Amino acid sequence: MMTLLLLLLFLCEAHSQVASKPNFVLLMADDLGIGDPGCYGNKTLRTPNIDRLARGGVKLTQHLAASPLCTPSRAAFMTGRYPVRSGMASRSRVGVFVFSASSGGLPPSEITFAKLLKDQGYSTALIGKWHLGISCHDRGDFCHHPTSHGFDYFHGLPLTNLRDCKPRGGTVFAPAIRLLVFVPLRLITVALLTLASLKWVGLIRTPRCVFLGLLLLAALLIGLLLGFMYYFRPLNCFLMRNRDVTQQPLSYDNLTQRLTADAARFLRRNAKTPFLLVMSFLHVHTALFSSKNFAGKSKHGAYGDAAEEMDWSVGQILDVLDELKLTDNTLVYFSSDQGAHIEEVTIKDEVHRGSNGIYKGGKANNWEGGIRVPGIVRWPGVIPAGLEIDQPTSNMDIFPTVAKLAGSPLPQDRIIDGRDLMPLLQGQTQRSEHEFLFHYCNSQLNAVRWNPPNGTSIWKAFFFTPKFFPEGSNGCFHTQVCLCSGEYVTYHDPPLLFEISRDPRERHPLTPASEPRFQEILAAMQEAVARHVQTLQDVPNQLSLGNVIWKPWLQLCCSSSGLSCKCDREKQDGRRRP
């Protein structure tokens, strides 16, 4: 009888909480592995605030990124749709935006959860990383910008944090520089030496203009390389507040503290109205950085310092919710856009990567380590504390979940691939609404996951897998990330089948001999793939070569003196902001 009364009390409390519009704080880490937080088993990396969040809410242990790369994963998170539906899944090797002045981005026709909540009277803000484009046709149209996608306020990095953004931090363009500069320079050098030798022995007569032309070509290549290295940082690594550039190039000095303080100010300004805050951390994507309070303090070098500083930021935001007495009416979600970047080792052999726990692979591939990410949801009095759920869920599920809780109908003119998480989180059902989930490598359908409604097994079939290099390693160290086609993958016919529920490390592919239902299982999965493919429409490729290349007319610059883009308006703008 006492148990029944307690259950009724909990349900009444939950009903009263849901009756008023909840607030939403969505915390998104960058490249954080599922093995990094303490609540997911890490014993040496200190994440007390993420762990606090997990103790007070639900921990999802099969939470999946819709893509193992930043740009497409974030597009899926914002829209609740596979990125291939919005054109945000690349058909070439380049799977993300690397220049701020690219014309591609999240199309204006896409509907984000921020748009839906803004229509419901919410104050909306995104602080931190965006990485979904800025402008389409000219530098002032801001068609892809956060403020064009439902966010009232934006403060952060419109592109992403790259090694090239930090002085002496290295470069992500090393393979391209080798191919486009060093290889041609070697060929030019060989040609010059060969022609000079042949001329010296009298075998040929080479006009001086040929030597001059080759020397000029070499000088041009060197000049372009030096110009690229000099200008890349200010032109691509800058902070914006709404549509204004406020710091160019960005400074890493107390950057996390500055963004966290701004998030706290947003919460305080909107304490009496419903709000949506997306805190999109720059941590722990390289270039790694941390303030003096965290530098050198962790047991995991620069990566651990950055992760622990991010955890501090999580704690600051949770503390502000407590201070404003908003905790009980705020759904807080914490996750990562994909798994840890396994190949992040510097030329000095410094390890700058996180941990994907027991799982194989990492960022840029669809082994579990690349897509299985932390997933924590807390809402005191509505979602039970301390619950652990091992059903397949997706970062696309946030879209329909927050939309329904905010009282917004879902768009009826498009397919929404996410599913409302609340029945699962509240224990109204024990099974995920996802029977099938599809895993893409860029725009290539790489694998499919099946969670049969009447079974306990979860199956995963790969149509191709990346070729790890060196052989026996856990990543693609020769290309820095694994690629999705050609000589870089192994195709499987029949598909490579795993029972993920029993073999989460993906060590033991099944065969007709080891699994009597092998053909039946694959047939069901291939039928699901065929149905899924029928729902796809041909859309413009936002990550085509024409959309990702640098376009000077789209370049944002805080000064009018050519490409000398340097300013620091962060402090003065911070004082002026209401």
Protein backbone atom coordinates (compact mmCIF):
# COMPACT_ATOMS: atom_id res chain seq x y z
CA MET A 1 0.00 0.00 0.00
CA MET A 2 2.85 2.37 0.92
CA THR A 3 4.54 1.61 -2.42
CA LEU A 4 1.33 2.48 -4.30
CA LEU A 5 1.02 5.79 -2.42
CA LEU A 6 4.64 6.68 -3.20
CA LEU A 7 4.10 5.86 -6.90
CA LEU A 8 0.97 8.05 -6.99
CA LEU A 9 2.91 10.84 -5.31
CA PHE A 10 5.69 10.59 -7.91
CA LEU A 11 3.19 10.61 -10.79
CA CYS A 12 1.38 13.64 -9.37
CA GLU A 13 4.66 15.49 -8.99
CA ALA A 14 5.64 14.52 -12.54
CA HIS A 15 2.29 15.76 -13.87
CA SER A 16 2.66 19.11 -12.13
CA GLN A 17 6.16 19.52 -13.56
CA VAL A 18 5.02 18.73 -17.12
CA ALA A 19 2.00 21.02 -16.84
CA SER A 20 4.24 24.12 -17.11
CA LYS A 21 6.62 24.47 -20.01
CA PRO A 22 10.01 23.06 -19.04
CA ASN A 23 13.33 24.71 -19.79
CA PHE A 24 16.00 22.91 -21.77
CA VAL A 25 19.78 22.91 -21.34
CA LEU A 26 21.47 20.78 -23.99
CA LEU A 27 25.18 20.20 -23.41
CA MET A 28 27.14 18.91 -26.40
CA ALA A 29 30.80 17.91 -26.10
CA ASP A 30 33.06 17.63 -29.14
CA ASP A 31 34.92 14.34 -29.76
CA LEU A 32 34.40 13.11 -26.19
CA GLY A 33 34.62 9.32 -25.98
CA ILE A 34 32.12 7.20 -24.11
CA GLY A 35 35.01 5.92 -21.99
CA ASP A 36 35.98 9.40 -20.77
CA PRO A 37 33.39 10.30 -18.07
CA GLY A 38 33.66 8.66 -14.68
CA CYS A 39 30.01 7.59 -14.80
CA TYR A 40 30.85 5.47 -17.86
CA GLY A 41 33.71 3.70 -16.11
CA ASN A 42 36.74 6.00 -16.26
CA LYS A 43 38.69 5.78 -12.99
CA THR A 44 41.36 8.42 -13.59
CA LEU A 45 39.72 11.29 -15.52
CA ARG A 46 37.86 13.52 -13.05
CA THR A 47 34.34 14.40 -14.21
CA PRO A 48 32.40 14.95 -10.95
CA ASN A 49 29.79 17.24 -12.53
CA ILE A 50 28.96 14.98 -15.45
CA ASP A 51 28.78 12.16 -12.90
CA ARG A 52 26.47 14.28 -10.72
CA LEU A 53 24.20 14.73 -13.72
CA ALA A 54 24.12 10.97 -14.31
CA ARG A 55 23.28 10.21 -10.66
CA GLY A 56 20.33 12.56 -10.83
CA GLY A 57 18.95 11.27 -14.12
CA VAL A 58 19.06 8.51 -16.72
CA LYS A 59 22.26 7.18 -18.24
CA LEU A 60 21.87 5.86 -21.78
CA THR A 61 24.45 3.18 -22.57
CA GLN A 62 23.56 2.63 -26.23
CA HIS A 63 23.17 6.27 -27.23
CA LEU A 64 24.23 6.74 -30.85
CA ALA A 65 25.40 9.68 -32.92
CA ALA A 66 23.62 9.83 -36.28
CA SER A 67 27.03 10.29 -37.91
CA PRO A 68 30.62 9.80 -36.72
CA LEU A 69 31.66 13.28 -37.96
CA CYS A 70 30.99 16.76 -36.53
CA THR A 71 29.05 18.56 -39.27
CA PRO A 72 26.60 15.78 -40.24
CA SER A 73 26.12 14.66 -36.63
CA ARG A 74 25.24 18.19 -35.52
CA ALA A 75 22.87 18.63 -38.46
CA ALA A 76 21.06 15.45 -37.40
CA PHE A 77 20.98 16.57 -33.77
CA MET A 78 19.46 19.95 -34.68
CA THR A 79 16.84 18.61 -37.13
CA GLY A 80 16.02 15.09 -35.91
CA ARG A 81 16.80 13.79 -39.41
CA TYR A 82 19.53 11.71 -40.98
CA PRO A 83 22.01 14.23 -42.48
CA VAL A 84 21.65 12.64 -45.91
CA ARG A 85 18.09 14.04 -46.00
CA SER A 86 19.32 17.65 -45.72
CA GLY A 87 22.34 17.34 -48.00
CA MET A 88 24.66 17.52 -44.98
CA ALA A 89 26.32 14.18 -45.74
CA SER A 90 29.28 14.52 -48.09
CA ARG A 91 29.62 12.59 -51.35
CA SER A 92 33.39 13.14 -51.39
CA ARG A 93 36.31 12.68 -49.01
CA VAL A 94 35.81 16.01 -47.23
CA GLY A 95 33.01 15.37 -44.73
CA VAL A 96 33.00 18.65 -42.77
CA PHE A 97 33.43 22.37 -43.36
CA VAL A 98 37.04 23.55 -42.99
CA PHE A 99 36.65 27.17 -44.16
CA SER A 100 34.41 29.82 -42.66
CA ALA A 101 33.81 31.31 -46.11
CA SER A 102 32.21 28.19 -47.58
CA SER A 103 28.77 28.50 -49.16
CA GLY A 104 27.43 25.18 -47.86
CA GLY A 105 25.58 24.72 -44.60
CA LEU A 106 22.35 23.70 -42.94
CA PRO A 107 19.74 24.67 -45.57
CA PRO A 108 17.27 27.44 -44.66
CA SER A 109 14.45 24.99 -45.44
CA GLU A 110 15.49 22.74 -42.54
CA ILE A 111 13.60 23.10 -39.25
CA THR A 112 15.62 22.93 -36.06
CA PHE A 113 14.25 22.34 -32.57
CA ALA A 114 15.29 25.94 -31.82
CA LYS A 115 12.85 27.19 -34.49
CA LEU A 116 10.03 25.13 -33.02
CA LEU A 117 10.71 26.31 -29.47
CA LYS A 118 11.09 29.94 -30.52
CA ASP A 119 7.60 29.70 -32.07
CA GLN A 120 6.37 28.48 -28.68
CA GLY A 121 7.67 31.58 -26.92
CA TYR A 122 11.03 30.24 -25.76
CA SER A 123 14.17 32.37 -25.49
CA THR A 124 16.84 30.45 -27.38
CA ALA A 125 20.63 30.61 -27.34
CA LEU A 126 23.57 28.66 -28.73
CA ILE A 127 26.93 29.24 -27.08
CA GLY A 128 30.07 27.57 -28.42
CA LYS A 129 30.58 25.66 -31.63
CA TRP A 130 28.18 25.75 -34.62
CA HIS A 131 29.99 24.16 -37.65
CA LEU A 132 26.90 24.23 -39.88
CA GLY A 133 27.79 27.10 -42.19
CA ILE A 134 27.35 30.88 -42.21
CA SER A 135 26.27 32.37 -45.56
CA CYS A 136 25.05 31.27 -48.99
CA HIS A 137 25.60 33.93 -51.65
CA ASP A 138 27.15 36.97 -49.98
CA ARG A 139 28.72 37.64 -46.62
CA GLY A 140 25.65 39.43 -45.33
CA ASP A 141 22.89 36.90 -46.01
CA PHE A 142 23.73 34.64 -43.00
CA CYS A 143 21.42 31.98 -44.43
CA HIS A 144 23.10 29.14 -42.48
CA HIS A 145 23.86 31.13 -39.34
CA PRO A 146 22.40 30.07 -35.95
CA THR A 147 20.25 33.22 -35.83
CA SER A 148 18.62 32.07 -39.09
CA HIS A 149 17.86 28.69 -37.54
CA GLY A 150 15.84 29.72 -34.49
CA PHE A 151 18.47 30.97 -32.06
CA ASP A 152 17.82 34.44 -30.63
CA TYR A 153 21.39 34.63 -29.41
CA PHE A 154 24.69 33.15 -30.59
CA HIS A 155 28.12 33.55 -29.09
CA GLY A 156 30.89 31.27 -30.23
CA LEU A 157 32.84 29.78 -33.07
CA PRO A 158 30.91 29.54 -36.36
CA LEU A 159 33.35 26.98 -37.78
CA THR A 160 35.21 24.55 -35.52
CA ASN A 161 38.27 24.39 -33.32
CA LEU A 162 41.19 23.14 -35.44
CA ARG A 163 44.87 22.55 -34.75
CA ASP A 164 45.53 25.41 -37.18
CA CYS A 165 43.65 27.79 -34.87
CA LYS A 166 46.29 27.53 -32.16
CA PRO A 167 49.79 28.91 -32.70
CA ARG A 168 52.26 26.00 -32.87
CA GLY A 169 49.33 23.62 -32.64
CA GLY A 170 50.08 21.80 -35.91
CA THR A 171 47.83 21.49 -38.94
CA VAL A 172 45.03 19.27 -40.17
CA PHE A 173 46.05 20.02 -43.73
CA ALA A 174 49.32 18.06 -43.70
CA PRO A 175 48.17 15.41 -46.24
CA ALA A 176 46.85 18.09 -48.60
CA ILE A 177 50.04 20.16 -48.25
CA ARG A 178 52.15 17.09 -49.03
CA LEU A 179 50.08 16.30 -52.12
CA LEU A 180 49.57 19.82 -53.48
CA VAL A 181 52.85 21.51 -52.51
CA PHE A 182 55.66 19.16 -51.52
CA VAL A 183 55.10 16.58 -54.26
CA PRO A 184 55.03 19.26 -57.04
CA LEU A 185 58.11 20.92 -55.49
CA ARG A 186 59.97 17.61 -55.61
CA LEU A 187 58.99 17.15 -59.25
CA ILE A 188 60.09 20.69 -60.09
CA THR A 189 63.41 20.11 -58.30
CA VAL A 190 63.99 16.85 -60.19
CA ALA A 191 63.08 18.55 -63.48
CA LEU A 192 65.49 21.46 -62.82
CA LEU A 193 68.37 19.18 -61.87
CA THR A 194 67.74 16.88 -64.83
CA LEU A 195 67.55 19.71 -67.34
CA ALA A 196 70.63 21.40 -65.85
CA SER A 197 72.64 18.15 -66.02
CA LEU A 198 71.60 17.42 -69.59
CA LYS A 199 72.46 20.96 -70.60
CA TRP A 200 75.84 20.77 -68.85
CA VAL A 201 76.89 17.57 -70.70
CA GLY A 202 75.64 19.07 -73.93
CA LEU A 203 72.86 16.60 -74.70
CA ILE A 204 70.13 19.24 -74.95
CA ARG A 205 69.85 22.98 -75.20
CA THR A 206 67.28 24.26 -72.72
CA PRO A 207 66.16 27.89 -73.02
CA ARG A 208 66.63 30.00 -69.90
CA CYS A 209 62.91 30.77 -69.88
CA VAL A 210 62.20 27.11 -69.02
CA PHE A 211 64.41 27.32 -65.91
CA LEU A 212 62.89 30.67 -65.04
CA GLY A 213 59.36 29.29 -65.47
CA LEU A 214 60.06 26.31 -63.21
CA LEU A 215 61.65 28.55 -60.57
CA LEU A 216 58.70 30.92 -60.70
CA LEU A 217 56.30 27.98 -60.34
CA ALA A 218 58.25 26.75 -57.28
CA ALA A 219 58.21 30.26 -55.81
CA LEU A 220 54.47 30.50 -56.43
CA LEU A 221 53.81 27.21 -54.61
CA ILE A 222 55.97 28.27 -51.66
CA GLY A 223 54.29 31.69 -51.60
CA LEU A 224 50.82 30.17 -51.63
CA LEU A 225 51.77 27.81 -48.81
CA LEU A 226 53.19 30.62 -46.68
CA GLY A 227 50.13 32.79 -47.40
CA PHE A 228 47.79 29.95 -46.48
CA MET A 229 49.62 29.30 -43.21
CA TYR A 230 49.66 32.99 -42.33
CA TYR A 231 46.06 33.85 -43.18
CA PHE A 232 44.19 30.64 -42.27
CA ARG A 233 43.99 31.39 -38.55
CA PRO A 234 42.49 34.91 -38.67
CA LEU A 235 40.18 34.10 -41.58
CA ASN A 236 38.70 30.95 -40.06
CA CYS A 237 39.27 30.95 -36.30
CA PHE A 238 37.17 33.76 -34.90
CA LEU A 239 34.39 34.36 -32.40
CA MET A 240 31.03 35.91 -33.22
CA ARG A 241 28.32 37.40 -31.06
CA ASN A 242 25.10 37.10 -33.04
CA ARG A 243 26.16 38.29 -36.54
CA ASP A 244 29.16 40.38 -35.51
CA VAL A 245 32.76 39.22 -35.41
CA THR A 246 34.05 40.02 -31.91
CA GLN A 247 37.47 38.39 -31.74
CA GLN A 248 39.62 37.65 -34.78
CA PRO A 249 41.60 35.49 -34.48
CA LEU A 250 40.13 33.93 -31.37
CA SER A 251 42.13 33.88 -28.18
CA TYR A 252 42.21 30.71 -26.08
CA ASP A 253 42.88 32.72 -22.91
CA ASN A 254 40.12 31.74 -20.47
CA LEU A 255 37.92 30.91 -23.46
CA THR A 256 35.88 28.26 -21.62
CA GLN A 257 35.41 30.63 -18.68
CA ARG A 258 34.20 33.42 -20.99
CA LEU A 259 31.68 31.23 -22.79
CA THR A 260 30.50 29.66 -19.52
CA ALA A 261 29.99 33.09 -17.96
CA ASP A 262 27.92 34.11 -20.98
CA ALA A 263 25.80 30.97 -20.64
CA ALA A 264 25.20 31.84 -16.98
CA ARG A 265 24.16 35.38 -17.94
CA PHE A 266 21.69 33.97 -20.48
CA LEU A 267 20.14 31.76 -17.80
CA ARG A 268 19.82 34.64 -15.37
CA ARG A 269 18.32 36.97 -18.00
CA ASN A 270 15.67 34.41 -18.88
CA ALA A 271 14.96 32.88 -15.48
CA LYS A 272 11.31 33.94 -15.57
CA THR A 273 10.56 32.77 -19.13
CA PRO A 274 10.92 29.37 -20.82
CA PHE A 275 14.36 29.00 -22.38
CA LEU A 276 16.50 26.73 -24.52
CA LEU A 277 20.26 26.86 -24.01
CA VAL A 278 22.51 24.78 -26.26
CA MET A 279 25.99 24.80 -24.76
CA SER A 280 28.15 23.41 -27.55
CA PHE A 281 31.62 22.93 -26.09
CA LEU A 282 34.80 23.43 -28.09
CA HIS A 283 36.36 20.79 -25.82
CA VAL A 284 37.81 18.25 -26.48
CA HIS A 285 38.39 18.72 -30.20
CA THR A 286 41.98 19.56 -31.06
CA ALA A 287 43.58 22.04 -30.76
CA LEU A 288 43.47 21.16 -27.07
CA PHE A 289 43.50 24.09 -24.65
CA SER A 290 42.77 24.85 -21.02
CA SER A 291 43.15 27.73 -18.60
CA LYS A 292 45.92 27.95 -15.99
CA ASN A 293 43.54 26.51 -13.37
CA PHE A 294 43.40 23.23 -15.28
CA ALA A 295 46.60 23.06 -17.36
CA GLY A 296 48.85 20.25 -16.15
CA LYS A 297 46.42 19.14 -13.44
CA SER A 298 44.97 15.92 -14.92
CA LYS A 299 46.48 12.46 -15.25
CA HIS A 300 45.87 12.46 -19.01
CA GLY A 301 47.96 15.33 -20.30
CA ALA A 302 46.47 18.12 -22.39
CA TYR A 303 43.42 16.01 -23.29
CA GLY A 304 42.58 15.33 -19.65
CA ASP A 305 43.09 18.99 -18.75
CA ALA A 306 40.60 20.04 -21.44
CA ALA A 307 38.06 17.36 -20.44
CA GLU A 308 38.23 18.35 -16.78
CA GLU A 309 37.80 22.03 -17.66
CA MET A 310 34.71 21.12 -19.68
CA ASP A 311 33.37 19.20 -16.68
CA TRP A 312 33.91 22.32 -14.56
CA SER A 313 31.81 24.28 -17.07
CA VAL A 314 29.02 21.69 -16.81
CA GLY A 315 29.11 22.16 -13.04
CA GLN A 316 28.89 25.95 -13.32
CA ILE A 317 25.75 25.69 -15.45
CA LEU A 318 24.15 23.17 -13.07
CA ASP A 319 24.99 25.44 -10.13
CA VAL A 320 23.28 28.42 -11.79
CA LEU A 321 20.13 26.31 -12.32
CA ASP A 322 20.24 25.44 -8.60
CA GLU A 323 20.81 29.06 -7.62
CA LEU A 324 17.84 30.24 -9.71
CA LYS A 325 15.69 27.36 -8.39
CA LEU A 326 15.15 26.16 -11.96
CA THR A 327 16.58 22.65 -11.58
CA ASP A 328 13.23 20.95 -11.07
CA ASN A 329 11.75 22.54 -14.19
CA THR A 330 14.74 22.05 -16.51
CA LEU A 331 15.55 19.05 -18.68
CA VAL A 332 19.33 18.77 -18.98
CA TYR A 333 20.89 16.61 -21.69
CA PHE A 334 24.59 15.80 -22.04
CA SER A 335 26.22 14.02 -24.97
CA SER A 336 29.03 14.14 -27.53
CA ASP A 337 28.74 14.66 -31.28
CA GLN A 338 30.70 11.45 -31.96
CA GLY A 339 33.31 9.19 -30.43
CA ALA A 340 36.89 10.06 -29.54
CA HIS A 341 39.34 10.77 -32.37
CA ILE A 342 41.67 7.76 -32.15
CA GLU A 343 44.24 9.10 -34.61
CA GLU A 344 44.96 12.29 -32.62
CA VAL A 345 48.66 11.82 -31.93
CA THR A 346 50.99 14.77 -32.53
CA ILE A 347 54.28 14.68 -34.47
CA LYS A 348 55.94 14.68 -31.03
CA ASP A 349 53.99 11.49 -30.17
CA GLU A 350 51.81 13.31 -27.64
CA VAL A 351 48.48 11.49 -27.29
CA HIS A 352 45.63 13.99 -27.77
CA ARG A 353 42.78 11.49 -27.92
CA GLY A 354 40.15 10.30 -25.51
CA SER A 355 38.80 6.86 -24.68
CA ASN A 356 36.02 4.94 -26.39
CA GLY A 357 36.05 2.40 -23.60
CA ILE A 358 35.72 -1.20 -24.69
CA TYR A 359 34.47 -0.23 -28.13
CA LYS A 360 36.26 -0.61 -31.44
CA GLY A 361 37.13 2.33 -33.71
CA GLY A 362 36.42 6.00 -33.20
CA LYS A 363 35.54 9.26 -34.88
CA ALA A 364 34.83 9.04 -38.64
CA ASN A 365 33.87 5.34 -38.66
CA ASN A 366 30.78 3.40 -37.63
CA TRP A 367 32.35 0.83 -35.39
CA GLU A 368 30.75 1.31 -31.97
CA GLY A 369 33.61 3.52 -30.78
CA GLY A 370 32.78 6.08 -33.44
CA ILE A 371 29.06 6.40 -32.75
CA ARG A 372 28.28 5.11 -29.24
CA VAL A 373 28.50 8.26 -27.12
CA PRO A 374 27.62 9.40 -23.61
CA GLY A 375 23.93 10.16 -23.22
CA ILE A 376 22.58 11.58 -19.94
CA VAL A 377 19.14 13.09 -19.36
CA ARG A 378 18.09 14.68 -16.06
CA TRP A 379 14.78 16.20 -15.02
CA PRO A 380 14.16 15.84 -11.27
CA GLY A 381 10.68 14.67 -10.34
CA VAL A 382 9.84 13.72 -13.91
CA ILE A 383 12.61 11.33 -14.92
CA PRO A 384 13.68 8.75 -12.29
CA ALA A 385 17.19 9.24 -10.91
CA GLY A 386 19.90 6.62 -11.23
CA LEU A 387 18.29 4.68 -14.08
CA GLU A 388 20.44 3.01 -16.76
CA ILE A 389 18.95 2.15 -20.16
CA ASP A 390 20.71 -0.08 -22.70
CA GLN A 391 18.23 0.34 -25.56
CA PRO A 392 19.32 1.95 -28.87
CA THR A 393 18.68 5.70 -28.83
CA SER A 394 19.93 8.47 -31.11
CA ASN A 395 20.97 12.10 -30.82
CA MET A 396 18.18 12.68 -33.39
CA ASP A 397 15.70 11.81 -30.61
CA ILE A 398 16.26 15.15 -28.87
CA PHE A 399 14.32 16.97 -31.62
CA PRO A 400 10.93 15.27 -31.14
CA THR A 401 11.45 14.98 -27.37
CA VAL A 402 11.91 18.70 -26.72
CA ALA A 403 9.32 19.65 -29.35
CA LYS A 404 6.60 17.59 -27.66
CA LEU A 405 7.52 18.78 -24.16
CA ALA A 406 7.42 22.41 -25.36
CA GLY A 407 3.95 21.88 -26.86
CA SER A 408 5.08 22.13 -30.48
CA PRO A 409 3.65 19.87 -33.17
CA LEU A 410 6.23 18.12 -35.34
CA PRO A 411 6.58 19.26 -38.98
CA GLN A 412 4.24 17.23 -41.19
CA ASP A 413 5.95 17.98 -44.52
CA ARG A 414 9.08 15.91 -43.88
CA ILE A 415 10.28 12.69 -42.30
CA ILE A 416 11.53 13.00 -38.73
CA ASP A 417 13.83 10.09 -37.93
CA GLY A 418 14.13 10.78 -34.20
CA ARG A 419 11.73 9.35 -31.63
CA ASP A 420 10.30 10.83 -28.43
CA LEU A 421 12.49 9.61 -25.56
CA MET A 422 10.10 10.36 -22.70
CA PRO A 423 8.19 7.04 -22.63
CA LEU A 424 11.52 5.20 -22.40
CA LEU A 425 13.03 7.62 -19.87
CA GLN A 426 9.96 7.52 -17.61
CA GLY A 427 9.69 3.74 -17.70
CA GLN A 428 6.37 3.70 -19.59
CA THR A 429 8.03 1.35 -22.08
CA GLN A 430 11.08 -0.88 -21.82
CA ARG A 431 11.92 -0.78 -25.52
CA SER A 432 13.25 1.88 -27.83
CA GLU A 433 10.94 3.00 -30.62
CA HIS A 434 13.84 2.51 -33.04
CA GLU A 435 13.50 -0.90 -34.61
CA PHE A 436 16.12 0.02 -37.23
CA LEU A 437 18.87 2.63 -37.18
CA PHE A 438 21.00 3.38 -40.24
CA HIS A 439 24.66 4.31 -39.94
CA TYR A 440 26.16 6.48 -42.68
CA CYS A 441 29.79 7.12 -43.56
CA ASN A 442 29.36 10.50 -45.27
CA SER A 443 26.56 9.80 -47.76
CA GLN A 444 27.37 6.06 -48.01
CA LEU A 445 25.06 3.71 -46.14
CA ASN A 446 27.65 1.87 -44.09
CA ALA A 447 25.71 -0.28 -41.61
CA VAL A 448 22.27 -1.00 -40.20
CA ARG A 449 21.21 -1.87 -36.64
CA TRP A 450 18.15 -3.99 -35.89
CA ASN A 451 16.36 -4.12 -32.56
CA PRO A 452 13.59 -6.72 -33.20
CA PRO A 453 10.41 -5.83 -31.28
CA ASN A 454 9.89 -9.34 -29.93
CA GLY A 455 13.47 -10.30 -29.20
CA THR A 456 16.36 -9.56 -26.86
CA SER A 457 19.14 -9.53 -29.46
CA ILE A 458 20.38 -6.41 -31.24
CA TRP A 459 22.01 -7.01 -34.61
CA LYS A 460 24.36 -4.85 -36.67
CA ALA A 461 25.37 -5.49 -40.28
CA PHE A 462 28.21 -3.72 -42.12
CA PHE A 463 28.20 -3.32 -45.89
CA PHE A 464 31.80 -2.12 -45.76
CA THR A 465 34.39 -1.45 -43.06
CA PRO A 466 37.44 0.83 -43.00
CA LYS A 467 40.92 -0.59 -43.49
CA PHE A 468 42.81 0.27 -40.32
CA PHE A 469 46.45 1.25 -40.81
CA PRO A 470 48.93 0.18 -39.59
CA GLU A 471 47.46 -3.30 -39.69
CA GLY A 472 46.32 -4.39 -36.25
CA SER A 473 45.78 -0.83 -35.03
CA ASN A 474 42.46 0.69 -34.00
CA GLY A 475 42.35 3.54 -36.54
CA CYS A 476 43.44 4.95 -39.88
CA PHE A 477 46.63 6.75 -38.89
CA HIS A 478 47.88 7.27 -42.47
CA THR A 479 44.89 9.47 -43.37
CA GLN A 480 44.21 10.91 -39.85
CA VAL A 481 40.58 9.75 -40.11
CA CYS A 482 39.06 6.71 -41.80
CA LEU A 483 37.62 7.31 -45.26
CA CYS A 484 34.43 5.92 -46.76
CA SER A 485 35.16 4.45 -50.16
CA GLY A 486 37.59 3.03 -52.67
CA GLU A 487 40.88 1.51 -51.58
CA TYR A 488 40.32 2.67 -48.01
CA VAL A 489 37.48 0.23 -47.26
CA THR A 490 36.70 -3.47 -47.49
CA TYR A 491 33.29 -4.31 -48.96
CA HIS A 492 31.33 -7.25 -47.53
CA ASP A 493 28.98 -9.53 -49.46
CA PRO A 494 27.22 -10.93 -47.55
CA PRO A 495 27.31 -8.09 -45.00
CA LEU A 496 29.43 -8.50 -41.89
CA LEU A 497 26.98 -9.40 -39.12
CA PHE A 498 27.42 -8.91 -35.35
CA GLU A 499 25.14 -9.53 -32.40
CA ILE A 500 25.84 -6.26 -30.62
CA SER A 501 23.90 -7.25 -27.50
CA ARG A 502 26.37 -10.11 -26.87
CA ASP A 503 29.42 -8.84 -28.72
CA PRO A 504 29.55 -5.05 -28.16
CA ARG A 505 33.27 -5.03 -28.98
CA GLU A 506 32.47 -6.31 -32.48
CA ARG A 507 35.15 -8.98 -32.35
CA HIS A 508 33.24 -12.01 -33.59
CA PRO A 509 31.40 -11.67 -36.93
CA LEU A 510 28.66 -14.26 -37.32
CA THR A 511 28.44 -16.87 -40.08
CA PRO A 512 25.70 -19.25 -41.22
CA ALA A 513 27.50 -21.91 -39.17
CA SER A 514 27.56 -19.89 -35.94
CA GLU A 515 24.08 -18.32 -36.32
CA PRO A 516 21.31 -20.57 -37.72
CA ARG A 517 19.13 -17.52 -38.59
CA PHE A 518 21.96 -15.76 -40.41
CA GLN A 519 20.20 -15.49 -43.78
CA GLU A 520 16.84 -14.62 -42.19
CA ILE A 521 18.37 -11.82 -40.10
CA LEU A 522 20.23 -10.32 -43.06
CA ALA A 523 17.13 -10.55 -45.26
CA ALA A 524 15.08 -8.57 -42.71
CA MET A 525 17.80 -5.92 -42.44
CA GLN A 526 18.21 -5.60 -46.20
CA GLU A 527 14.45 -5.21 -46.60
CA ALA A 528 14.56 -2.40 -44.03
CA VAL A 529 17.39 -0.76 -45.98
CA ALA A 530 15.36 -0.95 -49.19
CA ARG A 531 12.39 0.71 -47.46
CA HIS A 532 14.62 3.38 -45.98
CA VAL A 533 16.30 4.18 -49.29
CA GLN A 534 12.87 4.67 -50.86
CA THR A 535 12.23 7.54 -48.42
CA LEU A 536 15.33 9.49 -49.50
CA GLN A 537 15.00 12.41 -51.88
CA ASP A 538 17.60 13.99 -54.11
CA VAL A 539 18.74 17.20 -52.38
CA PRO A 540 21.57 19.66 -53.06
CA ASN A 541 24.89 18.47 -51.70
CA GLN A 542 25.91 21.06 -49.13
CA LEU A 543 29.37 19.51 -48.84
CA SER A 544 30.20 19.41 -52.55
CA LEU A 545 33.58 20.76 -53.64
CA GLY A 546 31.87 23.94 -54.85
CA ASN A 547 30.26 24.43 -51.44
CA VAL A 548 33.26 23.67 -49.20
CA ILE A 549 35.98 25.67 -50.98
CA TRP A 550 36.94 29.12 -49.71
CA LYS A 551 35.04 31.96 -51.38
CA PRO A 552 36.60 35.39 -50.75
CA TRP A 553 33.27 37.22 -51.19
CA LEU A 554 31.86 35.28 -48.24
CA GLN A 555 34.77 36.01 -45.92
CA LEU A 556 33.86 37.78 -42.68
CA CYS A 557 36.44 40.27 -41.47
CA CYS A 558 36.18 42.67 -38.54
CA SER A 559 38.39 45.27 -40.23
CA SER A 560 38.32 46.88 -43.66
CA SER A 561 42.07 46.68 -44.31
CA GLY A 562 42.21 43.81 -46.79
CA LEU A 563 42.82 40.38 -45.27
CA SER A 564 44.38 41.80 -42.09
CA CYS A 565 41.44 40.68 -39.97
CA LYS A 566 42.34 41.46 -36.38
CA CYS A 567 40.14 42.76 -33.57
CA ASP A 568 39.14 42.03 -30.00
CA ARG A 569 35.72 43.36 -29.10
CA GLU A 570 34.87 40.61 -26.64
CA LYS A 571 35.22 42.68 -23.47
CA GLN A 572 33.46 45.80 -24.69
CA ASP A 573 30.65 43.80 -26.32
CA GLY A 574 30.27 41.80 -23.11
CA ARG A 575 29.76 45.01 -21.13
CA ARG A 576 27.23 46.40 -23.62
CA ARG A 577 25.13 43.25 -23.94
CA PRO A 578 21.81 43.42 -22.06
